[in-house]
Protein backbone atom coordinates (compact mmCIF):
# COMPACT_ATOMS: atom_id res chain seq x y z
CA UNK A 1 58.85 -6.43 62.73
CA UNK A 2 56.29 -9.20 62.43
CA UNK A 3 55.07 -10.28 65.90
CA UNK A 4 53.95 -13.69 64.64
CA UNK A 5 56.40 -16.52 65.17
CA UNK A 6 56.81 -19.80 63.30
CA UNK A 7 58.47 -22.46 65.48
CA UNK A 8 60.20 -25.28 63.64
CA UNK A 9 57.74 -27.92 62.53
CA UNK A 10 54.68 -25.85 63.40
CA UNK A 11 54.10 -23.84 60.22
CA UNK A 12 50.49 -25.04 59.78
CA UNK A 13 49.52 -24.26 63.38
CA UNK A 14 51.16 -20.83 63.21
CA UNK A 15 49.39 -19.99 59.94
CA UNK A 16 46.03 -21.01 61.45
CA UNK A 17 46.70 -18.82 64.48
CA UNK A 18 47.49 -15.83 62.24
CA UNK A 19 44.40 -16.32 60.10
CA UNK A 20 42.17 -16.65 63.17
CA UNK A 21 42.46 -12.87 63.53
CA UNK A 22 41.04 -12.24 60.04
CA UNK A 23 37.42 -11.63 59.12
CA UNK A 24 35.38 -13.27 56.39
CA UNK A 25 35.80 -11.41 53.12
CA UNK A 26 38.69 -9.33 54.45
CA UNK A 27 41.96 -8.96 52.58
CA UNK A 28 44.35 -7.24 54.96
CA UNK A 29 47.39 -8.61 56.76
CA UNK A 30 47.77 -5.28 58.53
CA UNK A 31 44.29 -5.50 60.05
CA UNK A 32 45.19 -9.01 61.23
CA UNK A 33 48.22 -7.57 63.03
CA UNK A 34 46.07 -4.81 64.51
CA UNK A 35 43.54 -7.29 65.92
CA UNK A 36 46.31 -9.48 67.32
CA UNK A 37 47.80 -6.43 69.04
CA UNK A 38 44.44 -5.37 70.47
CA UNK A 39 43.81 -8.92 71.68
CA UNK A 40 47.19 -8.91 73.42
CA UNK A 41 46.45 -5.54 75.05
CA UNK A 42 43.15 -6.80 76.51
CA UNK A 43 44.34 -10.27 77.52
CA UNK A 44 44.39 -10.97 81.30
CA UNK A 45 47.55 -13.03 80.80
CA UNK A 46 49.48 -11.51 77.91
CA UNK A 47 52.25 -14.12 77.86
CA UNK A 48 49.74 -16.97 77.73
CA UNK A 49 47.91 -15.14 74.90
CA UNK A 50 51.19 -14.96 72.99
CA UNK A 51 51.96 -18.65 73.58
CA UNK A 52 48.54 -19.78 72.34
CA UNK A 53 48.66 -17.54 69.23
CA UNK A 54 52.32 -17.91 68.21
CA UNK A 55 53.09 -14.27 69.03
CA UNK A 56 56.23 -12.60 70.34
CA UNK A 57 55.57 -10.84 73.63
CA UNK A 58 58.72 -8.72 73.30
CA UNK A 59 57.77 -7.55 69.79
CA UNK A 60 54.24 -6.60 70.89
CA UNK A 61 55.72 -4.75 73.88
CA UNK A 62 58.02 -2.86 71.50
CA UNK A 63 55.01 -1.91 69.32
CA UNK A 64 53.17 -0.79 72.46
CA UNK A 65 56.07 1.48 73.46
CA UNK A 66 56.37 2.91 69.94
CA UNK A 67 52.65 3.67 69.99
CA UNK A 68 53.09 5.82 73.12
CA UNK A 69 56.11 7.57 71.60
CA UNK A 70 54.15 8.38 68.45
CA UNK A 71 51.20 9.69 70.45
CA UNK A 72 53.57 11.95 72.36
CA UNK A 73 55.06 13.30 69.15
CA UNK A 74 51.63 14.00 67.65
CA UNK A 75 50.53 15.71 70.86
CA UNK A 76 53.67 17.85 70.87
CA UNK A 77 52.97 18.79 67.25
CA UNK A 78 49.47 19.90 68.21
CA UNK A 79 47.68 17.20 66.24
CA UNK A 80 46.37 15.41 69.35
CA UNK A 81 45.06 16.89 72.58
CA UNK A 82 46.50 14.06 74.71
CA UNK A 83 49.81 12.21 74.73
CA UNK A 84 48.02 8.98 75.63
CA UNK A 85 47.07 6.74 72.69
CA UNK A 86 44.24 5.35 74.85
CA UNK A 87 42.53 8.73 75.15
CA UNK A 88 39.03 8.56 73.54
CA UNK A 89 39.67 11.83 71.69
CA UNK A 90 42.56 10.14 69.87
CA UNK A 91 40.49 7.16 68.80
CA UNK A 92 37.30 8.60 67.35
CA UNK A 93 37.78 6.83 64.03
CA UNK A 94 39.94 3.89 65.13
CA UNK A 95 37.18 1.37 64.36
CA UNK A 96 36.62 2.71 60.84
CA UNK A 97 38.47 0.03 58.87
CA UNK A 98 38.10 1.87 55.55
CA UNK A 99 39.69 4.99 56.99
CA UNK A 100 42.48 2.92 58.53
CA UNK A 101 43.11 1.38 55.08
CA UNK A 102 43.25 4.86 53.53
CA UNK A 103 45.80 5.94 56.16
CA UNK A 104 47.82 2.81 55.44
CA UNK A 105 47.82 3.86 51.78
CA UNK A 106 49.23 7.26 52.69
CA UNK A 107 51.90 5.69 54.88
CA UNK A 108 52.99 2.85 52.60
CA UNK A 109 52.72 4.46 49.16
CA UNK A 110 54.41 3.98 46.65
CA UNK A 111 54.55 0.30 47.64
CA UNK A 112 51.57 -0.70 45.52
CA UNK A 113 50.87 -4.02 43.83
CA UNK A 114 48.45 -4.45 40.96
CA UNK A 115 46.61 -7.76 40.75
CA UNK A 116 45.16 -9.20 37.58
CA UNK A 117 42.99 -12.25 38.20
CA UNK A 118 43.65 -15.17 35.88
CA UNK A 119 41.92 -18.54 35.62
CA UNK A 120 44.33 -20.46 37.81
CA UNK A 121 46.14 -17.90 39.92
CA UNK A 122 46.47 -14.11 40.13
CA UNK A 123 49.17 -12.20 38.29
CA UNK A 124 50.81 -9.62 40.56
CA UNK A 125 53.14 -6.81 39.59
CA UNK A 126 54.54 -3.59 41.02
CA UNK A 127 56.01 -0.55 39.35
CA UNK A 128 59.48 -2.10 39.46
CA UNK A 129 58.71 -5.82 39.34
CA UNK A 130 56.68 -7.38 36.54
CA UNK A 131 55.96 -10.61 38.41
CA UNK A 132 55.46 -11.12 42.15
CA UNK A 133 53.54 -13.40 44.48
CA UNK A 134 52.03 -13.24 47.94
CA UNK A 135 53.98 -14.87 50.75
CA UNK A 136 52.41 -18.16 51.95
CA UNK A 137 51.77 -16.55 55.36
CA UNK A 138 49.76 -13.70 53.82
CA UNK A 139 45.97 -13.67 54.07
CA UNK A 140 45.90 -13.20 50.28
CA UNK A 141 48.13 -16.19 49.51
CA UNK A 142 45.38 -18.75 48.96
CA UNK A 143 42.89 -16.41 47.28
CA UNK A 144 41.93 -16.30 43.62
CA UNK A 145 39.41 -13.44 43.81
CA UNK A 146 40.01 -10.03 45.32
CA UNK A 147 37.81 -7.00 46.13
CA UNK A 148 39.95 -4.59 44.08
CA UNK A 149 42.93 -4.67 41.72
CA UNK A 150 45.28 -2.87 44.10
CA UNK A 151 47.06 -3.72 47.33
CA UNK A 152 49.55 -1.75 49.38
CA UNK A 153 52.34 -3.60 51.16
CA UNK A 154 55.18 -3.02 53.59
CA UNK A 155 57.69 -5.79 53.04
CA UNK A 156 58.86 -7.58 49.93
CA UNK A 157 61.33 -10.44 50.20
CA UNK A 158 63.16 -12.43 47.56
CA UNK A 159 62.69 -16.19 47.83
CA UNK A 160 63.77 -18.99 45.53
CA UNK A 161 60.42 -18.61 43.75
CA UNK A 162 60.92 -14.88 43.13
CA UNK A 163 59.82 -11.59 44.67
CA UNK A 164 57.28 -12.19 47.41
CA UNK A 165 54.98 -9.67 49.12
CA UNK A 166 54.92 -10.52 52.80
CA UNK A 167 52.06 -8.33 54.06
CA UNK A 168 49.33 -6.67 51.99
CA UNK A 169 46.09 -4.73 52.34
CA UNK A 170 43.74 -4.40 49.39
CA UNK A 171 42.61 -0.81 48.97
CA UNK A 172 40.06 0.99 46.82
CA UNK A 173 40.97 3.20 43.85
CA UNK A 174 39.76 6.22 45.85
CA UNK A 175 42.33 5.50 48.58
CA UNK A 176 45.07 5.65 45.95
CA UNK A 177 43.63 8.70 44.20
CA UNK A 178 43.29 10.75 47.39
CA UNK A 179 46.21 9.46 49.46
CA UNK A 180 48.67 8.22 46.83
CA UNK A 181 51.14 10.01 44.59
CA UNK A 182 50.91 12.75 41.99
CA UNK A 183 47.57 12.73 40.17
CA UNK A 184 47.28 13.90 36.57
CA UNK A 185 44.73 13.89 33.79
CA UNK A 186 45.41 12.58 30.31
CA UNK A 187 43.30 12.46 27.19
CA UNK A 188 43.11 9.34 25.08
CA UNK A 189 42.96 10.03 21.35
CA UNK A 190 39.62 9.08 19.89
CA UNK A 191 38.01 8.45 23.29
CA UNK A 192 35.52 10.55 25.22
CA UNK A 193 36.75 9.34 28.59
CA UNK A 194 39.81 10.70 30.35
CA UNK A 195 42.59 8.74 32.01
CA UNK A 196 43.47 9.68 35.57
CA UNK A 197 47.05 8.63 36.31
CA UNK A 198 48.98 8.34 39.56
CA UNK A 199 52.71 8.87 39.09
CA UNK A 200 52.38 7.88 35.42
CA UNK A 201 51.87 4.24 36.39
CA UNK A 202 48.46 3.54 37.91
CA UNK A 203 45.63 4.43 35.53
CA UNK A 204 41.86 4.80 35.81
CA UNK A 205 39.44 5.57 32.98
CA UNK A 206 36.61 7.96 33.83
CA UNK A 207 34.20 10.38 32.16
CA UNK A 208 35.72 13.84 31.87
CA UNK A 209 33.36 15.36 34.47
CA UNK A 210 34.19 12.65 37.02
CA UNK A 211 37.90 12.91 36.34
CA UNK A 212 37.84 16.69 36.88
CA UNK A 213 35.92 16.26 40.13
CA UNK A 214 38.50 13.77 41.40
CA UNK A 215 41.34 16.17 40.66
CA UNK A 216 39.53 19.04 42.37
CA UNK A 217 38.73 16.98 45.46
CA UNK A 218 42.35 15.82 45.68
CA UNK A 219 43.53 19.42 45.42
CA UNK A 220 41.19 20.51 48.21
CA UNK A 221 42.22 17.59 50.44
CA UNK A 222 45.91 18.40 49.95
CA UNK A 223 45.21 22.02 50.92
CA UNK A 224 43.35 20.99 54.09
CA UNK A 225 46.15 18.66 55.17
CA UNK A 226 48.80 21.28 54.43
CA UNK A 227 46.87 23.87 56.43
CA UNK A 228 46.56 21.47 59.36
CA UNK A 229 50.28 20.77 59.18
CA UNK A 230 51.12 24.48 59.28
CA UNK A 231 48.71 25.16 62.14
CA UNK A 232 50.17 22.29 64.15
CA UNK A 233 53.52 24.10 64.25
CA UNK A 234 51.83 27.36 65.20
CA UNK A 235 49.95 25.80 68.13
CA UNK A 236 52.63 23.38 69.29
CA UNK A 237 54.41 25.98 71.40
CA UNK A 238 51.19 27.00 73.14
CA UNK A 239 50.18 23.41 73.91
CA UNK A 240 46.83 23.79 72.15
CA UNK A 241 45.52 21.67 69.32
CA UNK A 242 44.70 23.30 65.97
CA UNK A 243 41.62 21.09 65.83
CA UNK A 244 40.40 22.42 69.18
CA UNK A 245 41.14 25.99 68.12
CA UNK A 246 39.09 25.73 64.94
CA UNK A 247 35.68 27.40 65.10
């Protein structure tokens, strides 16, 4: 649920408040939400913070409670050593925005939009929809240039103008290759390069050596994650973390 609110007649002020949490050159609605949440957590007067920034205090409180529930579940599974999301050991990489974007890719895939920049406005499509647009409240709505061709999203709504992506984060090809769907290698007739595909939809051209390396790295990453998943069940009953138990 989006914590930002739009009171009647105050659309422009609400949009400015939302965008005040963005950074120059950044293309992520999810990072905007994260900064708004962190600002609310640190605010001396949380209700006043919400009033000034057009935020819902009850929604942010619900997100806060869900965060503690998730931390408890991860601790019980042996993936965290503490059930507190504020524990430093649970936040070693929390300020690494690129890693956070990669994790968002893993969580939101296959909701991927491909953006082709045109002269006047970008052309956006998904696997199921040939033409989409960004919601006016999105950070990407008023942009004509983007850092990559791909964005992951959580919500798509249907307006009078068509299918609209409400919240998006632009991600690198490597985020999709390593944390997306099924990766395969195809050969193009008459070409030296290979085509790396993700679920037979997203395609990347690469020299054969590079393409093979990508597939091998993805295979190794999948094995590491699967091993960690299995170890988490083994150590859950003992209360230890598989990460702590590793030599």
